[in-house]
Amino acid sequence: MALLFPALSCALLVSLSLLMPAQAAHHEEDKAGDPLAAAAEFPLLLRRTTLIVRDIEASLSLYRDALGMEVIYDQEINRRHATEDREQRLRLIFLKASHEYVGVIGLLEYEYGDPEHPSHSKPVRREGFTPGNAILLFNTEELKTKWPVIESAPGVEVIGKPALREYPGYGTAGTIRVLVSTLYDADGYILEVNQILND
């Protein structure tokens, strides 16, 4: 199936938000303080995105080992199944990128420890940049170093290797130069792993 790319890359949208001078100046003093207190002035805080995965260890190979996220929570949860007369095992992991209050990713594997369960063999959908799909965007200063480990992580399918893209900047910021890479993880989630270039 041909991939349908949006008119503007997610890299541009995130880069523009990073370059908004008023907002950056407003929060400069709060960076070293309590992040929850700093966020209290906003009516809504997006803390975490949780991905339901088939094999949590395969997911850790990408998010922890290749991207460098840090595990901040790792628990096995045993509970009564909602519709069947049995106990269900789940494993839930939270990983942080730069902060433990925002930008956190959760990995959740239902039927943990039962690799033969049908949920683990559900077909992976790789439908490209189409409605109903989300894109997880990461910025790094080490894309060239991380890339060989990223593309060799279990189940990863590369959409586009790192390539230079240029976008008009916000206000007087000029041109934004971004090294952009795109891929699917083992469960078909789309990732952009990008590096904003300063030279």
N, C-alpha and C. Protein backbone atom coordinates (compact mmCIF):
# COMPACT_ATOMS: atom_id res chain seq x y z
N MET A 1 0.85 -1.19 0.00
CA MET A 1 0.00 0.00 0.00
C MET A 1 0.89 1.24 0.00
N ALA A 2 0.60 2.20 -0.86
CA ALA A 2 1.40 3.42 -0.92
C ALA A 2 1.15 4.25 0.32
N LEU A 3 2.21 4.86 0.81
CA LEU A 3 2.09 5.70 1.99
C LEU A 3 1.60 7.08 1.60
N LEU A 4 0.73 7.63 2.40
CA LEU A 4 0.22 8.97 2.17
C LEU A 4 0.85 9.89 3.20
N PHE A 5 1.69 10.82 2.78
CA PHE A 5 2.37 11.71 3.72
C PHE A 5 1.61 13.01 3.82
N PRO A 6 1.53 13.57 5.02
CA PRO A 6 0.82 14.84 5.19
C PRO A 6 1.58 15.97 4.54
N ALA A 7 0.86 17.07 4.28
CA ALA A 7 1.48 18.20 3.62
C ALA A 7 2.62 18.77 4.45
N LEU A 8 2.45 18.81 5.74
CA LEU A 8 3.50 19.29 6.63
C LEU A 8 3.91 18.17 7.55
N SER A 9 5.19 17.93 7.67
CA SER A 9 5.68 16.87 8.55
C SER A 9 5.42 17.23 10.00
N CYS A 10 5.27 16.19 10.82
CA CYS A 10 5.15 16.41 12.26
C CYS A 10 6.39 17.08 12.80
N ALA A 11 7.53 16.85 12.14
CA ALA A 11 8.78 17.48 12.58
C ALA A 11 8.62 19.00 12.56
N LEU A 12 7.97 19.52 11.52
CA LEU A 12 7.77 20.95 11.42
C LEU A 12 6.88 21.46 12.54
N LEU A 13 5.77 20.76 12.79
CA LEU A 13 4.84 21.22 13.81
C LEU A 13 5.49 21.26 15.18
N VAL A 14 6.25 20.23 15.52
CA VAL A 14 6.93 20.22 16.81
C VAL A 14 8.02 21.26 16.85
N SER A 15 8.76 21.41 15.75
CA SER A 15 9.84 22.39 15.71
C SER A 15 9.29 23.80 15.88
N LEU A 16 8.15 24.07 15.25
CA LEU A 16 7.56 25.39 15.39
C LEU A 16 7.17 25.66 16.84
N SER A 17 6.60 24.66 17.49
CA SER A 17 6.20 24.86 18.88
C SER A 17 7.41 25.09 19.77
N LEU A 18 8.54 24.48 19.41
CA LEU A 18 9.75 24.67 20.21
C LEU A 18 10.35 26.05 20.03
N LEU A 19 10.01 26.69 18.92
CA LEU A 19 10.63 27.98 18.62
C LEU A 19 9.75 29.18 18.96
N MET A 20 8.64 28.97 19.64
CA MET A 20 7.78 30.09 20.01
C MET A 20 8.42 30.84 21.15
N PRO A 21 8.98 32.02 20.87
CA PRO A 21 9.78 32.72 21.88
C PRO A 21 9.01 33.12 23.13
N ALA A 22 7.77 33.55 23.01
CA ALA A 22 7.03 34.01 24.20
C ALA A 22 6.83 32.87 25.18
N GLN A 23 6.44 31.73 24.68
CA GLN A 23 6.19 30.59 25.56
C GLN A 23 7.49 30.09 26.18
N ALA A 24 8.56 30.05 25.40
CA ALA A 24 9.84 29.56 25.91
C ALA A 24 10.35 30.48 27.02
N ALA A 25 10.24 31.78 26.82
CA ALA A 25 10.71 32.73 27.84
C ALA A 25 9.86 32.63 29.10
N HIS A 26 8.56 32.43 28.90
CA HIS A 26 7.63 32.37 30.04
C HIS A 26 7.96 31.21 30.98
N HIS A 27 8.44 30.11 30.43
CA HIS A 27 8.68 28.92 31.25
C HIS A 27 10.15 28.67 31.57
N GLU A 28 11.01 29.57 31.17
CA GLU A 28 12.45 29.37 31.39
C GLU A 28 12.78 29.19 32.86
N GLU A 29 12.16 30.00 33.72
CA GLU A 29 12.47 29.93 35.14
C GLU A 29 11.88 28.69 35.81
N ASP A 30 10.82 28.13 35.22
CA ASP A 30 10.15 26.98 35.81
C ASP A 30 10.83 25.65 35.51
N LYS A 31 11.78 25.65 34.58
CA LYS A 31 12.38 24.39 34.15
C LYS A 31 13.07 23.66 35.30
N ALA A 32 13.71 24.39 36.18
CA ALA A 32 14.43 23.75 37.27
C ALA A 32 13.53 23.47 38.48
N GLY A 33 12.31 23.99 38.45
CA GLY A 33 11.42 23.83 39.58
C GLY A 33 10.50 22.64 39.45
N ASP A 34 9.41 22.68 40.16
CA ASP A 34 8.43 21.60 40.18
C ASP A 34 7.62 21.63 38.89
N PRO A 35 7.70 20.58 38.07
CA PRO A 35 7.00 20.60 36.79
C PRO A 35 5.48 20.61 36.92
N LEU A 36 4.96 19.99 37.98
CA LEU A 36 3.51 20.01 38.16
C LEU A 36 3.03 21.41 38.51
N ALA A 37 3.80 22.11 39.34
CA ALA A 37 3.43 23.48 39.68
C ALA A 37 3.52 24.38 38.46
N ALA A 38 4.54 24.18 37.65
CA ALA A 38 4.70 24.98 36.44
C ALA A 38 3.57 24.72 35.46
N ALA A 39 3.08 23.48 35.42
CA ALA A 39 2.02 23.13 34.48
C ALA A 39 0.64 23.50 34.99
N ALA A 40 0.54 23.86 36.27
CA ALA A 40 -0.76 24.13 36.87
C ALA A 40 -1.48 25.30 36.22
N GLU A 41 -0.74 26.20 35.59
CA GLU A 41 -1.37 27.35 34.95
C GLU A 41 -2.10 26.96 33.67
N PHE A 42 -1.88 25.75 33.18
CA PHE A 42 -2.54 25.29 31.98
C PHE A 42 -3.73 24.40 32.37
N PRO A 43 -4.82 24.48 31.62
CA PRO A 43 -6.01 23.70 31.99
C PRO A 43 -5.90 22.21 31.69
N LEU A 44 -4.91 21.81 30.90
CA LEU A 44 -4.79 20.41 30.50
C LEU A 44 -3.32 20.04 30.34
N LEU A 45 -2.96 18.88 30.86
CA LEU A 45 -1.58 18.42 30.77
C LEU A 45 -1.59 17.01 30.19
N LEU A 46 -0.92 16.81 29.05
CA LEU A 46 -0.78 15.48 28.47
C LEU A 46 0.43 14.82 29.09
N ARG A 47 0.20 13.85 29.96
CA ARG A 47 1.28 13.22 30.70
C ARG A 47 1.88 12.02 30.01
N ARG A 48 1.02 11.19 29.41
CA ARG A 48 1.54 9.92 28.93
C ARG A 48 0.70 9.42 27.76
N THR A 49 1.36 8.73 26.85
CA THR A 49 0.70 7.95 25.80
C THR A 49 1.05 6.50 26.07
N THR A 50 0.04 5.64 26.19
CA THR A 50 0.29 4.22 26.46
C THR A 50 0.03 3.41 25.19
N LEU A 51 1.02 2.62 24.82
CA LEU A 51 0.94 1.78 23.63
C LEU A 51 0.62 0.35 24.05
N ILE A 52 -0.41 -0.24 23.47
CA ILE A 52 -0.71 -1.65 23.72
C ILE A 52 0.13 -2.47 22.75
N VAL A 53 0.94 -3.37 23.31
CA VAL A 53 1.95 -4.07 22.51
C VAL A 53 1.78 -5.58 22.60
N ARG A 54 2.34 -6.26 21.60
CA ARG A 54 2.27 -7.72 21.55
C ARG A 54 3.37 -8.37 22.38
N ASP A 55 4.55 -7.77 22.36
CA ASP A 55 5.73 -8.34 23.02
C ASP A 55 6.49 -7.19 23.67
N ILE A 56 6.33 -7.05 24.97
CA ILE A 56 6.88 -5.88 25.67
C ILE A 56 8.41 -5.86 25.64
N GLU A 57 9.03 -7.04 25.60
CA GLU A 57 10.49 -7.07 25.53
C GLU A 57 10.99 -6.55 24.19
N ALA A 58 10.29 -6.89 23.11
CA ALA A 58 10.65 -6.36 21.79
C ALA A 58 10.50 -4.84 21.77
N SER A 59 9.43 -4.35 22.41
CA SER A 59 9.21 -2.90 22.47
C SER A 59 10.32 -2.22 23.26
N LEU A 60 10.76 -2.84 24.35
CA LEU A 60 11.84 -2.27 25.15
C LEU A 60 13.13 -2.18 24.34
N SER A 61 13.35 -3.11 23.43
CA SER A 61 14.56 -3.07 22.59
C SER A 61 14.62 -1.78 21.78
N LEU A 62 13.46 -1.28 21.39
CA LEU A 62 13.44 -0.02 20.64
C LEU A 62 13.42 1.18 21.57
N TYR A 63 12.42 1.26 22.43
CA TYR A 63 12.21 2.48 23.21
C TYR A 63 13.27 2.68 24.29
N ARG A 64 13.68 1.63 24.95
CA ARG A 64 14.70 1.75 25.99
C ARG A 64 16.10 1.66 25.41
N ASP A 65 16.38 0.56 24.69
CA ASP A 65 17.75 0.27 24.27
C ASP A 65 18.21 1.12 23.10
N ALA A 66 17.36 1.32 22.10
CA ALA A 66 17.78 2.06 20.91
C ALA A 66 17.58 3.57 21.07
N LEU A 67 16.40 3.97 21.55
CA LEU A 67 16.13 5.40 21.70
C LEU A 67 16.74 5.99 22.97
N GLY A 68 16.92 5.15 23.99
CA GLY A 68 17.54 5.63 25.22
C GLY A 68 16.57 6.12 26.27
N MET A 69 15.28 5.76 26.16
CA MET A 69 14.33 6.14 27.20
C MET A 69 14.64 5.37 28.48
N GLU A 70 14.24 5.93 29.60
CA GLU A 70 14.54 5.32 30.90
C GLU A 70 13.27 4.74 31.53
N VAL A 71 13.34 3.49 31.95
CA VAL A 71 12.21 2.85 32.61
C VAL A 71 12.04 3.46 34.00
N ILE A 72 10.83 3.96 34.28
CA ILE A 72 10.56 4.56 35.59
C ILE A 72 9.47 3.81 36.34
N TYR A 73 8.86 2.83 35.70
CA TYR A 73 7.82 2.01 36.34
C TYR A 73 7.74 0.71 35.57
N ASP A 74 7.73 -0.42 36.29
CA ASP A 74 7.65 -1.73 35.64
C ASP A 74 6.94 -2.67 36.61
N GLN A 75 5.68 -3.00 36.29
CA GLN A 75 4.89 -3.83 37.20
C GLN A 75 4.12 -4.88 36.43
N GLU A 76 4.06 -6.08 37.02
CA GLU A 76 3.15 -7.11 36.53
C GLU A 76 1.86 -6.97 37.33
N ILE A 77 0.74 -6.99 36.63
CA ILE A 77 -0.57 -6.80 37.26
C ILE A 77 -1.39 -8.05 37.01
N ASN A 78 -1.88 -8.65 38.08
CA ASN A 78 -2.74 -9.83 37.98
C ASN A 78 -4.14 -9.44 38.44
N ARG A 79 -5.13 -9.76 37.60
CA ARG A 79 -6.50 -9.37 37.93
C ARG A 79 -7.48 -10.36 37.29
N ARG A 80 -8.70 -10.30 37.77
CA ARG A 80 -9.75 -11.12 37.18
C ARG A 80 -10.03 -10.61 35.76
N HIS A 81 -10.14 -11.54 34.82
CA HIS A 81 -10.47 -11.16 33.45
C HIS A 81 -11.89 -10.59 33.43
N ALA A 82 -12.10 -9.60 32.59
CA ALA A 82 -13.40 -8.91 32.57
C ALA A 82 -14.53 -9.78 32.05
N THR A 83 -14.24 -10.69 31.11
CA THR A 83 -15.31 -11.47 30.50
C THR A 83 -15.12 -12.98 30.59
N GLU A 84 -13.98 -13.43 31.08
CA GLU A 84 -13.71 -14.87 31.18
C GLU A 84 -13.44 -15.25 32.63
N ASP A 85 -13.70 -16.50 32.96
CA ASP A 85 -13.52 -16.97 34.33
C ASP A 85 -12.07 -17.41 34.53
N ARG A 86 -11.19 -16.44 34.63
CA ARG A 86 -9.77 -16.72 34.82
C ARG A 86 -9.05 -15.45 35.26
N GLU A 87 -7.81 -15.63 35.68
CA GLU A 87 -6.97 -14.49 36.02
C GLU A 87 -6.20 -14.05 34.78
N GLN A 88 -6.07 -12.77 34.64
CA GLN A 88 -5.35 -12.20 33.51
C GLN A 88 -4.07 -11.53 34.01
N ARG A 89 -2.97 -11.79 33.29
CA ARG A 89 -1.69 -11.15 33.63
C ARG A 89 -1.41 -10.03 32.63
N LEU A 90 -1.01 -8.89 33.16
CA LEU A 90 -0.61 -7.76 32.34
C LEU A 90 0.76 -7.29 32.82
N ARG A 91 1.48 -6.65 31.95
CA ARG A 91 2.71 -5.99 32.36
C ARG A 91 2.66 -4.56 31.84
N LEU A 92 2.92 -3.62 32.72
CA LEU A 92 2.84 -2.20 32.40
C LEU A 92 4.18 -1.55 32.73
N ILE A 93 4.73 -0.86 31.74
CA ILE A 93 6.00 -0.17 31.89
C ILE A 93 5.82 1.28 31.46
N PHE A 94 6.38 2.21 32.24
CA PHE A 94 6.44 3.62 31.84
C PHE A 94 7.90 3.95 31.56
N LEU A 95 8.13 4.67 30.46
CA LEU A 95 9.47 5.13 30.12
C LEU A 95 9.46 6.64 29.94
N LYS A 96 10.48 7.29 30.44
CA LYS A 96 10.58 8.73 30.25
C LYS A 96 11.66 9.04 29.24
N ALA A 97 11.46 10.15 28.55
CA ALA A 97 12.50 10.67 27.66
C ALA A 97 13.32 11.67 28.48
N SER A 98 12.82 12.89 28.60
CA SER A 98 13.55 13.90 29.36
C SER A 98 12.90 14.22 30.69
N HIS A 99 11.66 13.77 30.90
CA HIS A 99 10.97 14.14 32.12
C HIS A 99 10.00 13.06 32.54
N GLU A 100 9.81 12.88 33.84
CA GLU A 100 8.92 11.82 34.30
C GLU A 100 7.47 12.28 34.45
N TYR A 101 7.18 13.55 34.15
CA TYR A 101 5.82 14.06 34.26
C TYR A 101 5.17 14.33 32.92
N VAL A 102 5.95 14.60 31.90
CA VAL A 102 5.41 14.83 30.55
C VAL A 102 6.27 14.07 29.55
N GLY A 103 5.67 13.72 28.42
CA GLY A 103 6.42 13.01 27.39
C GLY A 103 6.73 11.58 27.75
N VAL A 104 5.93 10.98 28.62
CA VAL A 104 6.15 9.60 29.05
C VAL A 104 5.40 8.65 28.11
N ILE A 105 6.01 7.51 27.82
CA ILE A 105 5.35 6.47 27.05
C ILE A 105 5.11 5.28 27.95
N GLY A 106 3.90 4.74 27.88
CA GLY A 106 3.58 3.50 28.57
C GLY A 106 3.57 2.36 27.57
N LEU A 107 4.06 1.21 27.99
CA LEU A 107 3.96 -0.02 27.21
C LEU A 107 3.09 -0.97 28.02
N LEU A 108 2.04 -1.49 27.42
CA LEU A 108 1.12 -2.37 28.12
C LEU A 108 0.93 -3.65 27.31
N GLU A 109 1.30 -4.78 27.90
CA GLU A 109 1.09 -6.07 27.25
C GLU A 109 0.02 -6.83 28.02
N TYR A 110 -1.12 -7.04 27.37
CA TYR A 110 -2.16 -7.90 27.93
C TYR A 110 -1.74 -9.35 27.70
N GLU A 111 -2.23 -10.24 28.52
CA GLU A 111 -1.90 -11.67 28.43
C GLU A 111 -0.39 -11.88 28.48
N TYR A 112 0.25 -11.14 29.38
CA TYR A 112 1.69 -11.25 29.57
C TYR A 112 2.04 -12.67 30.04
N GLY A 113 3.07 -13.24 29.46
CA GLY A 113 3.49 -14.58 29.83
C GLY A 113 2.76 -15.68 29.09
N ASP A 114 1.86 -15.31 28.15
CA ASP A 114 1.12 -16.30 27.37
C ASP A 114 1.31 -15.99 25.88
N PRO A 115 2.49 -16.34 25.33
CA PRO A 115 2.78 -15.98 23.94
C PRO A 115 1.87 -16.64 22.92
N GLU A 116 1.15 -17.70 23.32
CA GLU A 116 0.23 -18.38 22.40
C GLU A 116 -1.15 -17.73 22.35
N HIS A 117 -1.39 -16.73 23.20
CA HIS A 117 -2.70 -16.09 23.21
C HIS A 117 -2.94 -15.38 21.87
N PRO A 118 -4.16 -15.45 21.33
CA PRO A 118 -4.45 -14.83 20.03
C PRO A 118 -4.11 -13.35 19.93
N SER A 119 -4.12 -12.64 21.06
CA SER A 119 -3.81 -11.21 21.01
C SER A 119 -2.39 -10.95 20.52
N HIS A 120 -1.50 -11.92 20.74
CA HIS A 120 -0.10 -11.73 20.33
C HIS A 120 0.12 -11.98 18.85
N SER A 121 -0.83 -12.63 18.20
CA SER A 121 -0.69 -12.92 16.77
C SER A 121 -1.60 -12.05 15.91
N LYS A 122 -2.25 -11.08 16.52
CA LYS A 122 -3.09 -10.15 15.76
C LYS A 122 -2.24 -9.47 14.69
N PRO A 123 -2.71 -9.40 13.44
CA PRO A 123 -1.90 -8.80 12.37
C PRO A 123 -1.50 -7.36 12.69
N VAL A 124 -0.26 -7.01 12.34
CA VAL A 124 0.24 -5.65 12.52
C VAL A 124 -0.25 -4.81 11.34
N ARG A 125 -0.88 -3.68 11.65
CA ARG A 125 -1.35 -2.77 10.58
C ARG A 125 -0.28 -1.71 10.34
N ARG A 126 0.16 -1.62 9.13
CA ARG A 126 1.10 -0.57 8.74
C ARG A 126 0.46 0.20 7.59
N GLU A 127 -0.33 1.20 7.96
CA GLU A 127 -1.17 1.90 6.99
C GLU A 127 -0.65 3.28 6.62
N GLY A 128 0.52 3.63 7.10
CA GLY A 128 1.08 4.93 6.73
C GLY A 128 0.42 6.09 7.43
N PHE A 129 0.58 7.24 6.85
CA PHE A 129 0.10 8.49 7.44
C PHE A 129 -1.34 8.72 7.01
N THR A 130 -2.24 7.93 7.61
CA THR A 130 -3.65 8.00 7.27
C THR A 130 -4.46 8.19 8.55
N PRO A 131 -5.71 8.66 8.42
CA PRO A 131 -6.53 8.87 9.61
C PRO A 131 -6.66 7.60 10.45
N GLY A 132 -6.67 7.79 11.74
CA GLY A 132 -6.76 6.68 12.67
C GLY A 132 -5.41 6.21 13.18
N ASN A 133 -4.35 6.76 12.65
CA ASN A 133 -3.00 6.42 13.08
C ASN A 133 -2.37 7.62 13.78
N ALA A 134 -1.53 7.33 14.76
CA ALA A 134 -0.83 8.39 15.49
C ALA A 134 0.65 8.36 15.13
N ILE A 135 1.33 9.45 15.37
CA ILE A 135 2.76 9.55 15.13
C ILE A 135 3.43 9.97 16.42
N LEU A 136 4.40 9.19 16.88
CA LEU A 136 5.20 9.56 18.04
C LEU A 136 6.46 10.24 17.53
N LEU A 137 6.70 11.46 17.96
CA LEU A 137 7.84 12.22 17.46
C LEU A 137 8.87 12.42 18.56
N PHE A 138 10.10 12.05 18.26
CA PHE A 138 11.22 12.21 19.18
C PHE A 138 12.24 13.14 18.55
N ASN A 139 12.80 14.03 19.36
CA ASN A 139 13.95 14.82 18.94
C ASN A 139 15.18 14.34 19.69
N THR A 140 16.28 14.20 18.99
CA THR A 140 17.52 13.77 19.60
C THR A 140 18.67 14.58 19.01
N GLU A 141 19.75 14.68 19.74
CA GLU A 141 20.96 15.30 19.23
C GLU A 141 21.92 14.26 18.67
N GLU A 142 21.50 12.99 18.69
CA GLU A 142 22.41 11.89 18.34
C GLU A 142 21.79 10.94 17.33
N LEU A 143 21.10 11.47 16.33
CA LEU A 143 20.38 10.60 15.40
C LEU A 143 21.32 9.69 14.62
N LYS A 144 22.43 10.21 14.15
CA LYS A 144 23.35 9.38 13.36
C LYS A 144 23.91 8.23 14.19
N THR A 145 24.17 8.48 15.46
CA THR A 145 24.68 7.43 16.34
C THR A 145 23.60 6.41 16.67
N LYS A 146 22.39 6.89 16.95
CA LYS A 146 21.31 6.01 17.36
C LYS A 146 20.71 5.21 16.20
N TRP A 147 20.79 5.73 14.98
CA TRP A 147 20.06 5.15 13.87
C TRP A 147 20.36 3.67 13.62
N PRO A 148 21.62 3.23 13.59
CA PRO A 148 21.87 1.80 13.33
C PRO A 148 21.20 0.88 14.36
N VAL A 149 21.12 1.32 15.62
CA VAL A 149 20.49 0.51 16.66
C VAL A 149 18.97 0.55 16.49
N ILE A 150 18.44 1.72 16.12
CA ILE A 150 17.00 1.87 15.93
C ILE A 150 16.51 0.96 14.81
N GLU A 151 17.17 1.01 13.65
CA GLU A 151 16.66 0.25 12.50
C GLU A 151 16.86 -1.25 12.65
N SER A 152 17.73 -1.67 13.59
CA SER A 152 17.93 -3.11 13.80
C SER A 152 17.13 -3.67 14.97
N ALA A 153 16.32 -2.81 15.63
CA ALA A 153 15.49 -3.29 16.74
C ALA A 153 14.43 -4.27 16.21
N PRO A 154 14.04 -5.27 17.02
CA PRO A 154 13.08 -6.28 16.58
C PRO A 154 11.78 -5.68 16.06
N GLY A 155 11.36 -6.11 14.86
CA GLY A 155 10.08 -5.70 14.31
C GLY A 155 10.04 -4.34 13.66
N VAL A 156 11.14 -3.58 13.70
CA VAL A 156 11.15 -2.25 13.12
C VAL A 156 11.14 -2.35 11.59
N GLU A 157 10.31 -1.53 10.97
CA GLU A 157 10.30 -1.40 9.51
C GLU A 157 10.55 0.07 9.17
N VAL A 158 11.59 0.34 8.44
CA VAL A 158 11.95 1.71 8.11
C VAL A 158 11.03 2.24 7.01
N ILE A 159 10.49 3.42 7.25
CA ILE A 159 9.72 4.13 6.22
C ILE A 159 10.67 5.05 5.45
N GLY A 160 11.47 5.82 6.18
CA GLY A 160 12.42 6.73 5.56
C GLY A 160 13.65 6.89 6.43
N LYS A 161 14.82 6.62 5.87
CA LYS A 161 16.08 6.80 6.61
C LYS A 161 16.33 8.28 6.84
N PRO A 162 17.23 8.64 7.77
CA PRO A 162 17.48 10.06 8.05
C PRO A 162 17.82 10.84 6.79
N ALA A 163 17.08 11.92 6.58
CA ALA A 163 17.28 12.78 5.41
C ALA A 163 16.99 14.22 5.81
N LEU A 164 17.69 15.13 5.19
CA LEU A 164 17.54 16.55 5.51
C LEU A 164 16.26 17.10 4.91
N ARG A 165 15.50 17.83 5.73
CA ARG A 165 14.34 18.58 5.26
C ARG A 165 14.45 19.99 5.81
N GLU A 166 13.95 20.94 5.03
CA GLU A 166 13.97 22.34 5.46
C GLU A 166 12.56 22.88 5.47
N TYR A 167 12.25 23.67 6.53
CA TYR A 167 10.92 24.23 6.70
C TYR A 167 11.06 25.71 7.03
N PRO A 168 10.06 26.53 6.65
CA PRO A 168 10.09 27.93 7.08
C PRO A 168 9.93 28.02 8.59
N GLY A 169 10.72 28.88 9.21
CA GLY A 169 10.68 29.00 10.66
C GLY A 169 9.52 29.84 11.15
N TYR A 170 9.40 29.91 12.46
CA TYR A 170 8.35 30.68 13.11
C TYR A 170 8.82 32.12 13.26
N GLY A 171 8.01 33.09 12.82
CA GLY A 171 8.36 34.50 12.96
C GLY A 171 9.65 34.83 12.22
N THR A 172 10.65 35.29 12.98
CA THR A 172 11.93 35.66 12.37
C THR A 172 12.98 34.57 12.53
N ALA A 173 12.55 33.36 12.80
CA ALA A 173 13.50 32.27 13.07
C ALA A 173 14.24 31.80 11.83
N GLY A 174 13.79 32.21 10.63
CA GLY A 174 14.46 31.77 9.41
C GLY A 174 14.06 30.35 9.05
N THR A 175 14.99 29.63 8.47
CA THR A 175 14.72 28.27 8.02
C THR A 175 15.08 27.26 9.11
N ILE A 176 14.22 26.27 9.28
CA ILE A 176 14.48 25.19 10.23
C ILE A 176 15.01 24.01 9.42
N ARG A 177 16.19 23.54 9.78
CA ARG A 177 16.78 22.38 9.10
C ARG A 177 16.67 21.18 10.03
N VAL A 178 16.05 20.12 9.53
CA VAL A 178 15.77 18.96 10.37
C VAL A 178 16.22 17.69 9.64
N LEU A 179 16.97 16.85 10.35
CA LEU A 179 17.29 15.51 9.89
C LEU A 179 16.13 14.62 10.34
N VAL A 180 15.36 14.09 9.38
CA VAL A 180 14.10 13.40 9.67
C VAL A 180 14.22 11.92 9.32
N SER A 181 13.78 11.05 10.24
CA SER A 181 13.66 9.63 9.94
C SER A 181 12.28 9.15 10.38
N THR A 182 11.74 8.17 9.67
CA THR A 182 10.42 7.64 9.99
C THR A 182 10.47 6.11 9.96
N LEU A 183 9.68 5.50 10.86
CA LEU A 183 9.68 4.04 10.94
C LEU A 183 8.43 3.55 11.63
N TYR A 184 8.16 2.25 11.46
CA TYR A 184 7.15 1.56 12.25
C TYR A 184 7.86 0.79 13.35
N ASP A 185 7.24 0.74 14.54
CA ASP A 185 7.77 -0.15 15.56
C ASP A 185 7.17 -1.55 15.35
N ALA A 186 7.45 -2.46 16.24
CA ALA A 186 7.02 -3.85 16.07
C ALA A 186 5.50 -4.01 16.05
N ASP A 187 4.76 -3.04 16.60
CA ASP A 187 3.30 -3.13 16.64
C ASP A 187 2.63 -2.24 15.60
N GLY A 188 3.42 -1.61 14.75
CA GLY A 188 2.86 -0.79 13.69
C GLY A 188 2.66 0.66 14.06
N TYR A 189 3.11 1.09 15.25
CA TYR A 189 3.05 2.51 15.59
C TYR A 189 4.10 3.25 14.78
N ILE A 190 3.74 4.44 14.30
CA ILE A 190 4.66 5.24 13.49
C ILE A 190 5.48 6.14 14.41
N LEU A 191 6.79 6.16 14.16
CA LEU A 191 7.70 7.06 14.89
C LEU A 191 8.42 7.95 13.91
N GLU A 192 8.60 9.21 14.29
CA GLU A 192 9.58 10.09 13.66
C GLU A 192 10.67 10.30 14.69
N VAL A 193 11.90 10.07 14.30
CA VAL A 193 13.04 10.34 15.17
C VAL A 193 13.89 11.35 14.42
N ASN A 194 13.96 12.56 14.96
CA ASN A 194 14.50 13.69 14.21
C ASN A 194 15.59 14.41 15.00
N GLN A 195 16.39 15.14 14.25
CA GLN A 195 17.42 15.98 14.86
C GLN A 195 17.35 17.35 14.22
N ILE A 196 17.11 18.36 15.04
CA ILE A 196 17.10 19.74 14.55
C ILE A 196 18.55 20.19 14.42
N LEU A 197 18.92 20.65 13.24
CA LEU A 197 20.29 21.05 12.96
C LEU A 197 20.44 22.55 13.17
N ASN A 198 21.52 22.94 13.80
CA ASN A 198 21.74 24.35 14.13
C ASN A 198 22.67 25.05 13.16
N ASP A 199 23.39 24.27 12.32
CA ASP A 199 24.33 24.92 11.41
C ASP A 199 23.74 25.11 10.03
